[in-house]
């Protein structure tokens, strides 16, 4: 599984409209073959920052970054950002999705 987390520092005047501005990109990515999840959150520590957690099957990453909606999404985001987003991208061997947290079991 390809696991990616990206922090998007949004200009204060665009932070409230961010979800709407990236809605088409989000919808298109979620419908890609091999997309496991694509979830946005707003940072509590940095309220002008959105955090994207996404995952793809191992063979789906290249199709994602070469898609028309990926390029269009980046161009939509570019004028709304204060600086280059920060990213962590890794492959987790053998993983296919979320697992239950062993340290905090709820019955």
C-alpha atoms as a PDB file:
ATOM      1  CA  UNK A   1       0.000   0.000   0.000  1.00  0.00           C
ATOM      2  CA  UNK A   2       1.205   3.507  -0.835  1.00  0.00           C
ATOM      3  CA  UNK A   3       0.487   5.730   2.192  1.00  0.00           C
ATOM      4  CA  UNK A   4       0.695   9.516   1.855  1.00  0.00           C
ATOM      5  CA  UNK A   5       0.161  12.441   4.227  1.00  0.00           C
ATOM      6  CA  UNK A   6       0.354  15.992   2.890  1.00  0.00           C
ATOM      7  CA  UNK A   7       0.096  19.295   4.793  1.00  0.00           C
ATOM      8  CA  UNK A   8      -1.398  22.133   2.720  1.00  0.00           C
ATOM      9  CA  UNK A   9      -0.750  25.641   4.170  1.00  0.00           C
ATOM     10  CA  UNK A  10      -3.715  27.654   2.885  1.00  0.00           C
ATOM     11  CA  UNK A  11      -3.848  31.443   2.673  1.00  0.00           C
ATOM     12  CA  UNK A  12      -6.102  32.718   5.481  1.00  0.00           C
ATOM     13  CA  UNK A  13      -8.538  34.319   3.045  1.00  0.00           C
ATOM     14  CA  UNK A  14      -9.092  30.936   1.329  1.00  0.00           C
ATOM     15  CA  UNK A  15      -9.108  28.547   4.277  1.00  0.00           C
ATOM     16  CA  UNK A  16     -12.889  28.358   4.663  1.00  0.00           C
ATOM     17  CA  UNK A  17     -13.476  27.741   0.947  1.00  0.00           C
ATOM     18  CA  UNK A  18     -10.709  25.093   0.639  1.00  0.00           C
ATOM     19  CA  UNK A  19     -13.024  22.039   0.822  1.00  0.00           C
ATOM     20  CA  UNK A  20     -15.231  23.463  -1.931  1.00  0.00           C
ATOM     21  CA  UNK A  21     -12.255  24.414  -4.115  1.00  0.00           C
ATOM     22  CA  UNK A  22     -10.767  20.895  -3.937  1.00  0.00           C
ATOM     23  CA  UNK A  23     -14.109  19.040  -4.125  1.00  0.00           C
ATOM     24  CA  UNK A  24     -13.756  18.001  -7.785  1.00  0.00           C
ATOM     25  CA  UNK A  25     -10.170  16.820  -7.234  1.00  0.00           C
ATOM     26  CA  UNK A  26     -11.309  14.895  -4.152  1.00  0.00           C
ATOM     27  CA  UNK A  27     -14.262  13.278  -5.939  1.00  0.00           C
ATOM     28  CA  UNK A  28     -12.168  12.278  -8.956  1.00  0.00           C
ATOM     29  CA  UNK A  29      -9.367  10.829  -6.823  1.00  0.00           C
ATOM     30  CA  UNK A  30     -11.744   8.846  -4.634  1.00  0.00           C
ATOM     31  CA  UNK A  31     -13.220   7.249  -7.753  1.00  0.00           C
ATOM     32  CA  UNK A  32      -9.836   6.140  -9.135  1.00  0.00           C
ATOM     33  CA  UNK A  33      -9.237   2.401  -9.368  1.00  0.00           C
ATOM     34  CA  UNK A  34      -6.837   1.515  -6.572  1.00  0.00           C
ATOM     35  CA  UNK A  35      -7.701   4.426  -4.281  1.00  0.00           C
ATOM     36  CA  UNK A  36      -8.184   3.092  -0.754  1.00  0.00           C
ATOM     37  CA  UNK A  37      -9.002   6.398   0.940  1.00  0.00           C
ATOM     38  CA  UNK A  38      -8.596  10.130   0.493  1.00  0.00           C
ATOM     39  CA  UNK A  39      -9.476  12.122   3.623  1.00  0.00           C
ATOM     40  CA  UNK A  40      -9.099  15.807   4.457  1.00  0.00           C
ATOM     41  CA  UNK A  41      -8.769  17.214   7.988  1.00  0.00           C
ATOM     42  CA  UNK A  42      -8.063  20.672   9.322  1.00  0.00           C
ATOM     43  CA  UNK A  43      -5.126  21.015  11.684  1.00  0.00           C
ATOM     44  CA  UNK A  44      -5.925  22.021  15.258  1.00  0.00           C
ATOM     45  CA  UNK A  45      -2.356  23.255  15.789  1.00  0.00           C
ATOM     46  CA  UNK A  46      -2.275  25.249  12.532  1.00  0.00           C
ATOM     47  CA  UNK A  47      -5.868  26.260  11.631  1.00  0.00           C
ATOM     48  CA  UNK A  48      -4.835  27.502   8.175  1.00  0.00           C
ATOM     49  CA  UNK A  49      -3.440  24.063   7.305  1.00  0.00           C
ATOM     50  CA  UNK A  50      -5.372  21.155   5.826  1.00  0.00           C
ATOM     51  CA  UNK A  51      -3.964  17.648   6.185  1.00  0.00           C
ATOM     52  CA  UNK A  52      -4.650  15.040   3.523  1.00  0.00           C
ATOM     53  CA  UNK A  53      -4.327  11.346   4.389  1.00  0.00           C
ATOM     54  CA  UNK A  54      -4.518   9.132   1.325  1.00  0.00           C
ATOM     55  CA  UNK A  55      -3.698   5.578   0.357  1.00  0.00           C
ATOM     56  CA  UNK A  56      -3.523   3.621  -2.869  1.00  0.00           C
ATOM     57  CA  UNK A  57      -2.952   0.046  -3.871  1.00  0.00           C
ATOM     58  CA  UNK A  58       0.713  -0.444  -4.785  1.00  0.00           C
ATOM     59  CA  UNK A  59       0.084  -0.369  -8.530  1.00  0.00           C
ATOM     60  CA  UNK A  60      -2.170   2.725  -8.535  1.00  0.00           C
ATOM     61  CA  UNK A  61       0.238   5.529  -7.616  1.00  0.00           C
ATOM     62  CA  UNK A  62       1.549   6.343 -11.068  1.00  0.00           C
ATOM     63  CA  UNK A  63      -1.934   6.507 -12.591  1.00  0.00           C
ATOM     64  CA  UNK A  64      -2.930   8.984  -9.876  1.00  0.00           C
ATOM     65  CA  UNK A  65      -0.064  11.451 -10.377  1.00  0.00           C
ATOM     66  CA  UNK A  66      -0.315  11.314 -14.174  1.00  0.00           C
ATOM     67  CA  UNK A  67      -4.094  11.830 -14.322  1.00  0.00           C
ATOM     68  CA  UNK A  68      -5.674  14.953 -15.781  1.00  0.00           C
ATOM     69  CA  UNK A  69      -7.582  15.645 -12.563  1.00  0.00           C
ATOM     70  CA  UNK A  70      -4.343  15.468 -10.534  1.00  0.00           C
ATOM     71  CA  UNK A  71      -2.706  18.153 -12.691  1.00  0.00           C
ATOM     72  CA  UNK A  72      -5.890  20.260 -12.660  1.00  0.00           C
ATOM     73  CA  UNK A  73      -6.162  19.878  -8.887  1.00  0.00           C
ATOM     74  CA  UNK A  74      -2.621  21.132  -8.367  1.00  0.00           C
ATOM     75  CA  UNK A  75      -3.302  24.178 -10.516  1.00  0.00           C
ATOM     76  CA  UNK A  76      -6.483  24.890  -8.550  1.00  0.00           C
ATOM     77  CA  UNK A  77      -4.547  24.657  -5.271  1.00  0.00           C
ATOM     78  CA  UNK A  78      -1.462  26.656  -6.296  1.00  0.00           C
ATOM     79  CA  UNK A  79      -2.878  30.207  -5.883  1.00  0.00           C
ATOM     80  CA  UNK A  80      -4.569  29.263  -2.600  1.00  0.00           C
ATOM     81  CA  UNK A  81      -1.375  28.184  -0.806  1.00  0.00           C
ATOM     82  CA  UNK A  82       1.186  30.173   1.182  1.00  0.00           C
ATOM     83  CA  UNK A  83       4.090  27.793   0.467  1.00  0.00           C
ATOM     84  CA  UNK A  84       4.961  24.382  -0.944  1.00  0.00           C
ATOM     85  CA  UNK A  85       3.068  21.579   0.810  1.00  0.00           C
ATOM     86  CA  UNK A  86       4.997  19.116   2.977  1.00  0.00           C
ATOM     87  CA  UNK A  87       4.601  15.413   2.259  1.00  0.00           C
ATOM     88  CA  UNK A  88       5.372  12.010   3.708  1.00  0.00           C
ATOM     89  CA  UNK A  89       5.004   9.216   1.174  1.00  0.00           C
ATOM     90  CA  UNK A  90       5.918   5.617   1.841  1.00  0.00           C
ATOM     91  CA  UNK A  91       5.050   2.098   0.811  1.00  0.00           C
ATOM     92  CA  UNK A  92       3.842  -0.193   3.564  1.00  0.00           C
ATOM     93  CA  UNK A  93       4.521  -3.767   2.498  1.00  0.00           C
ATOM     94  CA  UNK A  94       1.627  -6.158   2.935  1.00  0.00           C
ATOM     95  CA  UNK A  95      -0.842  -3.531   4.160  1.00  0.00           C
ATOM     96  CA  UNK A  96      -4.233  -3.303   2.488  1.00  0.00           C
ATOM     97  CA  UNK A  97      -6.085  -0.915   4.790  1.00  0.00           C
ATOM     98  CA  UNK A  98      -6.698   0.217   8.345  1.00  0.00           C
ATOM     99  CA  UNK A  99      -6.061  -2.105  11.304  1.00  0.00           C
ATOM    100  CA  UNK A 100      -7.583  -1.980  14.785  1.00  0.00           C
ATOM    101  CA  UNK A 101      -5.449  -0.170  17.374  1.00  0.00           C
ATOM    102  CA  UNK A 102      -4.126  -2.826  19.745  1.00  0.00           C
ATOM    103  CA  UNK A 103      -3.411  -0.421  22.613  1.00  0.00           C
ATOM    104  CA  UNK A 104      -6.985   0.938  22.788  1.00  0.00           C
ATOM    105  CA  UNK A 105      -9.587  -1.757  22.332  1.00  0.00           C
ATOM    106  CA  UNK A 106     -13.265  -0.847  22.635  1.00  0.00           C
ATOM    107  CA  UNK A 107     -15.707  -3.722  23.237  1.00  0.00           C
END
